[in-house]
């Protein structure tokens, strides 16, 4: 069976379109899975990478009550809005010193 180049390219284009659709669907499912009340939740690893801090620093912020967290099935999560508020408050505290 011989397929000419144009037919092959058309098939590849359709396959790539399907991959794009599947990727969007997977991203939607992941966002719904890691959200509460429609708000995105981040786990420890996400937060450590985002803030570029150590796990000990993150633990100190939790213990001091500066960063609210939620425990779901034994795993810690943080609301994105709480993280943004924490960053704003930390930034303002440094400006006021």
PDB file of N, CA and C in Angstrom:
ATOM      1  N   UNK A   1       0.849  -1.174   0.000  1.00  0.00           N
ATOM      2  CA  UNK A   1       0.000   0.000   0.000  1.00  0.00           C
ATOM      3  C   UNK A   1       0.894   1.237   0.000  1.00  0.00           C
ATOM      4  N   UNK A   2       0.740   2.042  -0.992  1.00  0.00           N
ATOM      5  CA  UNK A   2       1.509   3.272  -1.109  1.00  0.00           C
ATOM      6  C   UNK A   2       0.632   4.474  -0.798  1.00  0.00           C
ATOM      7  N   UNK A   3       1.164   5.383   0.024  1.00  0.00           N
ATOM      8  CA  UNK A   3       0.457   6.613   0.361  1.00  0.00           C
ATOM      9  C   UNK A   3       1.319   7.760  -0.128  1.00  0.00           C
ATOM     10  N   UNK A   4       0.705   8.653  -0.877  1.00  0.00           N
ATOM     11  CA  UNK A   4       1.504   9.784  -1.353  1.00  0.00           C
ATOM     12  C   UNK A   4       1.700  10.801  -0.228  1.00  0.00           C
ATOM     13  N   UNK A   5       2.599  11.697  -0.434  1.00  0.00           N
ATOM     14  CA  UNK A   5       3.000  12.665   0.598  1.00  0.00           C
ATOM     15  C   UNK A   5       1.825  13.540   1.048  1.00  0.00           C
ATOM     16  N   UNK A   6       1.000  13.989   0.155  1.00  0.00           N
ATOM     17  CA  UNK A   6      -0.127  14.867   0.499  1.00  0.00           C
ATOM     18  C   UNK A   6      -1.126  14.134   1.401  1.00  0.00           C
ATOM     19  N   UNK A   7      -1.407  12.882   1.080  1.00  0.00           N
ATOM     20  CA  UNK A   7      -2.343  12.105   1.889  1.00  0.00           C
ATOM     21  C   UNK A   7      -1.754  11.851   3.279  1.00  0.00           C
ATOM     22  N   UNK A   8      -0.464  11.553   3.320  1.00  0.00           N
ATOM     23  CA  UNK A   8       0.215  11.341   4.593  1.00  0.00           C
ATOM     24  C   UNK A   8       0.150  12.600   5.455  1.00  0.00           C
ATOM     25  N   UNK A   9       0.430  13.756   4.872  1.00  0.00           N
ATOM     26  CA  UNK A   9       0.409  15.010   5.619  1.00  0.00           C
ATOM     27  C   UNK A   9      -1.004  15.313   6.132  1.00  0.00           C
ATOM     28  N   UNK A  10      -2.022  15.009   5.329  1.00  0.00           N
ATOM     29  CA  UNK A  10      -3.408  15.225   5.755  1.00  0.00           C
ATOM     30  C   UNK A  10      -3.728  14.337   6.964  1.00  0.00           C
ATOM     31  N   UNK A  11      -3.297  13.084   6.929  1.00  0.00           N
ATOM     32  CA  UNK A  11      -3.516  12.183   8.046  1.00  0.00           C
ATOM     33  C   UNK A  11      -2.792  12.671   9.304  1.00  0.00           C
ATOM     34  N   UNK A  12      -1.571  13.098   9.127  1.00  0.00           N
ATOM     35  CA  UNK A  12      -0.800  13.586  10.273  1.00  0.00           C
ATOM     36  C   UNK A  12      -1.448  14.832  10.880  1.00  0.00           C
ATOM     37  N   UNK A  13      -1.966  15.695  10.040  1.00  0.00           N
ATOM     38  CA  UNK A  13      -2.653  16.901  10.516  1.00  0.00           C
ATOM     39  C   UNK A  13      -3.874  16.520  11.367  1.00  0.00           C
ATOM     40  N   UNK A  14      -4.638  15.540  10.910  1.00  0.00           N
ATOM     41  CA  UNK A  14      -5.808  15.095  11.673  1.00  0.00           C
ATOM     42  C   UNK A  14      -5.401  14.459  13.007  1.00  0.00           C
ATOM     43  N   UNK A  15      -4.327  13.681  12.981  1.00  0.00           N
ATOM     44  CA  UNK A  15      -3.842  13.063  14.218  1.00  0.00           C
ATOM     45  C   UNK A  15      -3.394  14.138  15.205  1.00  0.00           C
ATOM     46  N   UNK A  16      -2.667  15.136  14.723  1.00  0.00           N
ATOM     47  CA  UNK A  16      -2.193  16.208  15.601  1.00  0.00           C
ATOM     48  C   UNK A  16      -3.371  17.011  16.169  1.00  0.00           C
ATOM     49  N   UNK A  17      -4.401  17.235  15.364  1.00  0.00           N
ATOM     50  CA  UNK A  17      -5.600  17.915  15.860  1.00  0.00           C
ATOM     51  C   UNK A  17      -6.239  17.114  16.988  1.00  0.00           C
ATOM     52  N   UNK A  18      -6.293  15.800  16.833  1.00  0.00           N
ATOM     53  CA  UNK A  18      -6.851  14.941  17.878  1.00  0.00           C
ATOM     54  C   UNK A  18      -6.017  15.028  19.157  1.00  0.00           C
ATOM     55  N   UNK A  19      -4.698  15.036  19.013  1.00  0.00           N
ATOM     56  CA  UNK A  19      -3.820  15.177  20.180  1.00  0.00           C
ATOM     57  C   UNK A  19      -4.077  16.493  20.898  1.00  0.00           C
ATOM     58  N   UNK A  20      -4.265  17.563  20.142  1.00  0.00           N
ATOM     59  CA  UNK A  20      -4.553  18.865  20.755  1.00  0.00           C
ATOM     60  C   UNK A  20      -5.855  18.824  21.544  1.00  0.00           C
ATOM     61  N   UNK A  21      -6.875  18.203  20.977  1.00  0.00           N
ATOM     62  CA  UNK A  21      -8.170  18.082  21.651  1.00  0.00           C
ATOM     63  C   UNK A  21      -8.021  17.263  22.930  1.00  0.00           C
ATOM     64  N   UNK A  22      -7.303  16.137  22.843  1.00  0.00           N
ATOM     65  CA  UNK A  22      -7.080  15.300  24.024  1.00  0.00           C
ATOM     66  C   UNK A  22      -6.289  16.042  25.091  1.00  0.00           C
ATOM     67  N   UNK A  23      -5.299  16.803  24.693  1.00  0.00           N
ATOM     68  CA  UNK A  23      -4.492  17.577  25.641  1.00  0.00           C
ATOM     69  C   UNK A  23      -5.358  18.600  26.377  1.00  0.00           C
ATOM     70  N   UNK A  24      -6.228  19.297  25.661  1.00  0.00           N
ATOM     71  CA  UNK A  24      -7.132  20.256  26.291  1.00  0.00           C
ATOM     72  C   UNK A  24      -8.053  19.556  27.282  1.00  0.00           C
ATOM     73  N   UNK A  25      -8.554  18.405  26.895  1.00  0.00           N
ATOM     74  CA  UNK A  25      -9.450  17.644  27.774  1.00  0.00           C
ATOM     75  C   UNK A  25      -8.714  17.211  29.047  1.00  0.00           C
ATOM     76  N   UNK A  26      -7.499  16.712  28.901  1.00  0.00           N
ATOM     77  CA  UNK A  26      -6.708  16.282  30.051  1.00  0.00           C
ATOM     78  C   UNK A  26      -6.444  17.461  30.979  1.00  0.00           C
ATOM     79  N   UNK A  27      -6.091  18.612  30.414  1.00  0.00           N
ATOM     80  CA  UNK A  27      -5.846  19.803  31.239  1.00  0.00           C
ATOM     81  C   UNK A  27      -7.091  20.226  31.992  1.00  0.00           C
ATOM     82  N   UNK A  28      -8.255  20.170  31.339  1.00  0.00           N
ATOM     83  CA  UNK A  28      -9.514  20.513  31.999  1.00  0.00           C
ATOM     84  C   UNK A  28      -9.799  19.571  33.162  1.00  0.00           C
ATOM     85  N   UNK A  29      -9.583  18.284  32.951  1.00  0.00           N
ATOM     86  CA  UNK A  29      -9.828  17.289  33.994  1.00  0.00           C
ATOM     87  C   UNK A  29      -8.879  17.511  35.171  1.00  0.00           C
ATOM     88  N   UNK A  30      -7.614  17.803  34.892  1.00  0.00           N
ATOM     89  CA  UNK A  30      -6.651  18.040  35.964  1.00  0.00           C
ATOM     90  C   UNK A  30      -7.010  19.276  36.765  1.00  0.00           C
ATOM     91  N   UNK A  31      -7.467  20.329  36.102  1.00  0.00           N
ATOM     92  CA  UNK A  31      -7.849  21.547  36.815  1.00  0.00           C
ATOM     93  C   UNK A  31      -9.052  21.299  37.706  1.00  0.00           C
ATOM     94  N   UNK A  32     -10.022  20.524  37.209  1.00  0.00           N
ATOM     95  CA  UNK A  32     -11.202  20.220  38.017  1.00  0.00           C
ATOM     96  C   UNK A  32     -10.830  19.333  39.197  1.00  0.00           C
ATOM     97  N   UNK A  33      -9.884  18.427  38.973  1.00  0.00           N
ATOM     98  CA  UNK A  33      -9.470  17.501  40.020  1.00  0.00           C
ATOM     99  C   UNK A  33      -8.771  18.234  41.156  1.00  0.00           C
ATOM    100  N   UNK A  34      -7.939  19.203  40.825  1.00  0.00           N
ATOM    101  CA  UNK A  34      -7.185  19.906  41.848  1.00  0.00           C
ATOM    102  C   UNK A  34      -7.757  21.299  42.081  1.00  0.00           C
ATOM    103  N   UNK A  35      -9.059  21.331  42.353  1.00  0.00           N
ATOM    104  CA  UNK A  35      -9.690  22.608  42.675  1.00  0.00           C
ATOM    105  C   UNK A  35     -10.757  22.387  43.732  1.00  0.00           C
ATOM    106  N   UNK A  36     -11.049  23.461  44.440  1.00  0.00           N
ATOM    107  CA  UNK A  36     -12.112  23.434  45.436  1.00  0.00           C
ATOM    108  C   UNK A  36     -12.913  24.715  45.259  1.00  0.00           C
ATOM    109  N   UNK A  37     -14.199  24.589  45.189  1.00  0.00           N
ATOM    110  CA  UNK A  37     -15.084  25.730  44.925  1.00  0.00           C
ATOM    111  C   UNK A  37     -14.647  26.487  43.677  1.00  0.00           C
ATOM    112  N   UNK A  38     -14.152  25.750  42.679  1.00  0.00           N
ATOM    113  CA  UNK A  38     -13.734  26.367  41.425  1.00  0.00           C
ATOM    114  C   UNK A  38     -12.390  27.067  41.494  1.00  0.00           C
ATOM    115  N   UNK A  39     -11.711  26.949  42.614  1.00  0.00           N
ATOM    116  CA  UNK A  39     -10.417  27.606  42.777  1.00  0.00           C
ATOM    117  C   UNK A  39      -9.299  26.572  42.738  1.00  0.00           C
ATOM    118  N   UNK A  40      -8.237  26.902  42.037  1.00  0.00           N
ATOM    119  CA  UNK A  40      -7.117  25.981  41.861  1.00  0.00           C
ATOM    120  C   UNK A  40      -6.405  25.718  43.184  1.00  0.00           C
ATOM    121  N   UNK A  41      -6.056  24.453  43.393  1.00  0.00           N
ATOM    122  CA  UNK A  41      -5.290  24.046  44.567  1.00  0.00           C
ATOM    123  C   UNK A  41      -3.884  23.655  44.139  1.00  0.00           C
ATOM    124  N   UNK A  42      -2.915  24.017  44.950  1.00  0.00           N
ATOM    125  CA  UNK A  42      -1.526  23.651  44.696  1.00  0.00           C
ATOM    126  C   UNK A  42      -1.027  22.794  45.847  1.00  0.00           C
ATOM    127  N   UNK A  43      -0.188  21.825  45.534  1.00  0.00           N
ATOM    128  CA  UNK A  43       0.377  20.998  46.606  1.00  0.00           C
ATOM    129  C   UNK A  43       1.729  21.568  47.028  1.00  0.00           C
ATOM    130  N   UNK A  44       2.379  20.884  47.976  1.00  0.00           N
ATOM    131  CA  UNK A  44       3.661  21.365  48.494  1.00  0.00           C
ATOM    132  C   UNK A  44       4.685  21.574  47.389  1.00  0.00           C
ATOM    133  N   UNK A  45       4.827  20.590  46.511  1.00  0.00           N
ATOM    134  CA  UNK A  45       5.829  20.682  45.444  1.00  0.00           C
ATOM    135  C   UNK A  45       5.566  21.888  44.544  1.00  0.00           C
ATOM    136  N   UNK A  46       4.305  22.091  44.177  1.00  0.00           N
ATOM    137  CA  UNK A  46       3.958  23.248  43.344  1.00  0.00           C
ATOM    138  C   UNK A  46       4.376  24.547  44.030  1.00  0.00           C
ATOM    139  N   UNK A  47       4.064  24.627  45.306  1.00  0.00           N
ATOM    140  CA  UNK A  47       4.342  25.852  46.056  1.00  0.00           C
ATOM    141  C   UNK A  47       5.838  26.075  46.265  1.00  0.00           C
ATOM    142  N   UNK A  48       6.573  25.008  46.553  1.00  0.00           N
ATOM    143  CA  UNK A  48       8.017  25.131  46.729  1.00  0.00           C
ATOM    144  C   UNK A  48       8.678  25.653  45.453  1.00  0.00           C
ATOM    145  N   UNK A  49       8.220  25.164  44.314  1.00  0.00           N
ATOM    146  CA  UNK A  49       8.778  25.614  43.037  1.00  0.00           C
ATOM    147  C   UNK A  49       8.345  27.043  42.722  1.00  0.00           C
ATOM    148  N   UNK A  50       7.101  27.357  43.023  1.00  0.00           N
ATOM    149  CA  UNK A  50       6.582  28.692  42.717  1.00  0.00           C
ATOM    150  C   UNK A  50       7.294  29.763  43.535  1.00  0.00           C
ATOM    151  N   UNK A  51       7.429  29.523  44.841  1.00  0.00           N
ATOM    152  CA  UNK A  51       8.005  30.520  45.736  1.00  0.00           C
ATOM    153  C   UNK A  51       9.528  30.416  45.862  1.00  0.00           C
ATOM    154  N   UNK A  52      10.071  29.308  45.356  1.00  0.00           N
ATOM    155  CA  UNK A  52      11.517  29.067  45.440  1.00  0.00           C
ATOM    156  C   UNK A  52      12.010  29.145  46.885  1.00  0.00           C
ATOM    157  N   UNK A  53      11.333  28.352  47.724  1.00  0.00           N
ATOM    158  CA  UNK A  53      11.686  28.286  49.144  1.00  0.00           C
ATOM    159  C   UNK A  53      11.923  26.832  49.531  1.00  0.00           C
ATOM    160  N   UNK A  54      12.478  26.636  50.714  1.00  0.00           N
ATOM    161  CA  UNK A  54      12.716  25.275  51.207  1.00  0.00           C
ATOM    162  C   UNK A  54      11.439  24.734  51.854  1.00  0.00           C
ATOM    163  N   UNK A  55      11.410  23.424  52.027  1.00  0.00           N
ATOM    164  CA  UNK A  55      10.246  22.814  52.677  1.00  0.00           C
ATOM    165  C   UNK A  55      10.149  23.264  54.140  1.00  0.00           C
ATOM    166  N   UNK A  56      11.288  23.530  54.767  1.00  0.00           N
ATOM    167  CA  UNK A  56      11.286  24.018  56.152  1.00  0.00           C
ATOM    168  C   UNK A  56      10.665  25.405  56.240  1.00  0.00           C
ATOM    169  N   UNK A  57      10.975  26.286  55.290  1.00  0.00           N
ATOM    170  CA  UNK A  57      10.371  27.624  55.274  1.00  0.00           C
ATOM    171  C   UNK A  57       8.861  27.518  55.105  1.00  0.00           C
ATOM    172  N   UNK A  58       8.446  26.641  54.214  1.00  0.00           N
ATOM    173  CA  UNK A  58       7.016  26.441  53.996  1.00  0.00           C
ATOM    174  C   UNK A  58       6.351  25.950  55.273  1.00  0.00           C
ATOM    175  N   UNK A  59       7.002  25.048  55.992  1.00  0.00           N
ATOM    176  CA  UNK A  59       6.468  24.544  57.254  1.00  0.00           C
ATOM    177  C   UNK A  59       6.358  25.677  58.277  1.00  0.00           C
ATOM    178  N   UNK A  60       7.345  26.564  58.327  1.00  0.00           N
ATOM    179  CA  UNK A  60       7.310  27.696  59.259  1.00  0.00           C
ATOM    180  C   UNK A  60       6.131  28.615  58.948  1.00  0.00           C
ATOM    181  N   UNK A  61       5.895  28.895  57.667  1.00  0.00           N
ATOM    182  CA  UNK A  61       4.764  29.755  57.282  1.00  0.00           C
ATOM    183  C   UNK A  61       3.441  29.125  57.696  1.00  0.00           C
ATOM    184  N   UNK A  62       3.326  27.804  57.549  1.00  0.00           N
ATOM    185  CA  UNK A  62       2.103  27.112  57.973  1.00  0.00           C
ATOM    186  C   UNK A  62       1.943  27.187  59.480  1.00  0.00           C
ATOM    187  N   UNK A  63       3.012  26.888  60.211  1.00  0.00           N
ATOM    188  CA  UNK A  63       2.964  26.867  61.680  1.00  0.00           C
ATOM    189  C   UNK A  63       2.649  28.239  62.255  1.00  0.00           C
ATOM    190  N   UNK A  64       3.158  29.283  61.622  1.00  0.00           N
ATOM    191  CA  UNK A  64       2.923  30.655  62.094  1.00  0.00           C
ATOM    192  C   UNK A  64       1.541  31.159  61.693  1.00  0.00           C
ATOM    193  N   UNK A  65       0.821  30.385  60.901  1.00  0.00           N
ATOM    194  CA  UNK A  65      -0.514  30.800  60.467  1.00  0.00           C
ATOM    195  C   UNK A  65      -0.491  31.828  59.348  1.00  0.00           C
ATOM    196  N   UNK A  66       0.663  32.016  58.734  1.00  0.00           N
ATOM    197  CA  UNK A  66       0.768  33.003  57.657  1.00  0.00           C
ATOM    198  C   UNK A  66       0.217  32.468  56.341  1.00  0.00           C
ATOM    199  N   UNK A  67       0.194  31.160  56.197  1.00  0.00           N
ATOM    200  CA  UNK A  67      -0.251  30.544  54.951  1.00  0.00           C
ATOM    201  C   UNK A  67      -1.274  29.453  55.251  1.00  0.00           C
ATOM    202  N   UNK A  68      -2.546  29.722  54.972  1.00  0.00           N
ATOM    203  CA  UNK A  68      -3.579  28.704  55.228  1.00  0.00           C
ATOM    204  C   UNK A  68      -3.379  27.486  54.327  1.00  0.00           C
ATOM    205  N   UNK A  69      -3.737  26.332  54.841  1.00  0.00           N
ATOM    206  CA  UNK A  69      -3.604  25.099  54.063  1.00  0.00           C
ATOM    207  C   UNK A  69      -4.770  24.181  54.375  1.00  0.00           C
ATOM    208  N   UNK A  70      -4.938  23.199  53.535  1.00  0.00           N
ATOM    209  CA  UNK A  70      -6.023  22.234  53.660  1.00  0.00           C
ATOM    210  C   UNK A  70      -5.430  20.844  53.534  1.00  0.00           C
ATOM    211  N   UNK A  71      -5.902  19.935  54.351  1.00  0.00           N
ATOM    212  CA  UNK A  71      -5.446  18.554  54.282  1.00  0.00           C
ATOM    213  C   UNK A  71      -6.552  17.720  53.656  1.00  0.00           C
ATOM    214  N   UNK A  72      -6.219  17.094  52.546  1.00  0.00           N
ATOM    215  CA  UNK A  72      -7.169  16.224  51.850  1.00  0.00           C
ATOM    216  C   UNK A  72      -6.490  14.880  51.657  1.00  0.00           C
ATOM    217  N   UNK A  73      -7.060  13.853  52.246  1.00  0.00           N
ATOM    218  CA  UNK A  73      -6.498  12.497  52.184  1.00  0.00           C
ATOM    219  C   UNK A  73      -5.036  12.472  52.618  1.00  0.00           C
ATOM    220  N   UNK A  74      -4.716  13.223  53.649  1.00  0.00           N
ATOM    221  CA  UNK A  74      -3.370  13.223  54.187  1.00  0.00           C
ATOM    222  C   UNK A  74      -2.362  14.055  53.414  1.00  0.00           C
ATOM    223  N   UNK A  75      -2.816  14.769  52.393  1.00  0.00           N
ATOM    224  CA  UNK A  75      -1.914  15.588  51.583  1.00  0.00           C
ATOM    225  C   UNK A  75      -2.276  17.058  51.764  1.00  0.00           C
ATOM    226  N   UNK A  76      -1.272  17.921  51.820  1.00  0.00           N
ATOM    227  CA  UNK A  76      -1.488  19.347  52.038  1.00  0.00           C
ATOM    228  C   UNK A  76      -1.711  20.071  50.717  1.00  0.00           C
ATOM    229  N   UNK A  77      -2.703  20.963  50.739  1.00  0.00           N
ATOM    230  CA  UNK A  77      -3.010  21.781  49.572  1.00  0.00           C
ATOM    231  C   UNK A  77      -3.180  23.230  49.997  1.00  0.00           C
ATOM    232  N   UNK A  78      -2.967  24.133  49.040  1.00  0.00           N
ATOM    233  CA  UNK A  78      -3.073  25.571  49.276  1.00  0.00           C
ATOM    234  C   UNK A  78      -3.912  26.181  48.169  1.00  0.00           C
ATOM    235  N   UNK A  79      -4.837  27.067  48.553  1.00  0.00           N
ATOM    236  CA  UNK A  79      -5.634  27.776  47.552  1.00  0.00           C
ATOM    237  C   UNK A  79      -4.766  28.828  46.881  1.00  0.00           C
ATOM    238  N   UNK A  80      -4.935  28.971  45.583  1.00  0.00           N
ATOM    239  CA  UNK A  80      -4.153  29.939  44.828  1.00  0.00           C
ATOM    240  C   UNK A  80      -4.391  31.357  45.336  1.00  0.00           C
ATOM    241  N   UNK A  81      -5.624  31.681  45.704  1.00  0.00           N
ATOM    242  CA  UNK A  81      -5.919  33.026  46.206  1.00  0.00           C
ATOM    243  C   UNK A  81      -5.202  33.282  47.539  1.00  0.00           C
ATOM    244  N   UNK A  82      -5.095  32.250  48.385  1.00  0.00           N
ATOM    245  CA  UNK A  82      -4.365  32.394  49.651  1.00  0.00           C
ATOM    246  C   UNK A  82      -2.881  32.636  49.398  1.00  0.00           C
ATOM    247  N   UNK A  83      -2.353  31.980  48.393  1.00  0.00           N
ATOM    248  CA  UNK A  83      -0.943  32.162  48.046  1.00  0.00           C
ATOM    249  C   UNK A  83      -0.702  33.584  47.550  1.00  0.00           C
ATOM    250  N   UNK A  84      -1.589  34.070  46.693  1.00  0.00           N
ATOM    251  CA  UNK A  84      -1.453  35.446  46.188  1.00  0.00           C
ATOM    252  C   UNK A  84      -1.538  36.461  47.333  1.00  0.00           C
ATOM    253  N   UNK A  85      -2.448  36.239  48.274  1.00  0.00           N
ATOM    254  CA  UNK A  85      -2.577  37.128  49.426  1.00  0.00           C
ATOM    255  C   UNK A  85      -1.311  37.088  50.267  1.00  0.00           C
ATOM    256  N   UNK A  86      -0.773  35.892  50.491  1.00  0.00           N
ATOM    257  CA  UNK A  86       0.461  35.724  51.256  1.00  0.00           C
ATOM    258  C   UNK A  86       1.614  36.484  50.593  1.00  0.00           C
ATOM    259  N   UNK A  87       1.720  36.395  49.287  1.00  0.00           N
ATOM    260  CA  UNK A  87       2.794  37.097  48.560  1.00  0.00           C
ATOM    261  C   UNK A  87       2.626  38.603  48.697  1.00  0.00           C
ATOM    262  N   UNK A  88       1.382  39.096  48.532  1.00  0.00           N
ATOM    263  CA  UNK A  88       1.135  40.538  48.659  1.00  0.00           C
ATOM    264  C   UNK A  88       1.479  41.033  50.065  1.00  0.00           C
ATOM    265  N   UNK A  89       1.050  40.296  51.084  1.00  0.00           N
ATOM    266  CA  UNK A  89       1.322  40.695  52.467  1.00  0.00           C
ATOM    267  C   UNK A  89       2.819  40.661  52.762  1.00  0.00           C
ATOM    268  N   UNK A  90       3.512  39.668  52.251  1.00  0.00           N
ATOM    269  CA  UNK A  90       4.961  39.579  52.471  1.00  0.00           C
ATOM    270  C   UNK A  90       5.676  40.730  51.783  1.00  0.00           C
ATOM    271  N   UNK A  91       5.224  41.063  50.585  1.00  0.00           N
ATOM    272  CA  UNK A  91       5.830  42.161  49.830  1.00  0.00           C
ATOM    273  C   UNK A  91       5.582  43.491  50.533  1.00  0.00           C
ATOM    274  N   UNK A  92       4.349  43.703  50.987  1.00  0.00           N
ATOM    275  CA  UNK A  92       4.012  44.953  51.691  1.00  0.00           C
ATOM    276  C   UNK A  92       4.772  45.073  53.012  1.00  0.00           C
ATOM    277  N   UNK A  93       4.948  43.958  53.714  1.00  0.00           N
ATOM    278  CA  UNK A  93       5.674  43.984  54.988  1.00  0.00           C
ATOM    279  C   UNK A  93       7.125  44.406  54.770  1.00  0.00           C
ATOM    280  N   UNK A  94       7.721  43.985  53.685  1.00  0.00           N
ATOM    281  CA  UNK A  94       9.107  44.366  53.399  1.00  0.00           C
ATOM    282  C   UNK A  94       9.207  45.827  52.997  1.00  0.00           C
ATOM    283  N   UNK A  95       8.179  46.322  52.300  1.00  0.00           N
ATOM    284  CA  UNK A  95       8.189  47.736  51.896  1.00  0.00           C
ATOM    285  C   UNK A  95       8.024  48.658  53.099  1.00  0.00           C
ATOM    286  N   UNK A  96       7.277  48.203  54.104  1.00  0.00           N
ATOM    287  CA  UNK A  96       7.005  49.042  55.278  1.00  0.00           C
ATOM    288  C   UNK A  96       8.142  49.022  56.298  1.00  0.00           C
ATOM    289  N   UNK A  97       9.146  48.204  56.094  1.00  0.00           N
ATOM    290  CA  UNK A  97      10.278  48.143  57.050  1.00  0.00           C
ATOM    291  C   UNK A  97      11.215  49.292  56.838  1.00  0.00           C
TER     292      UNK A  97
END
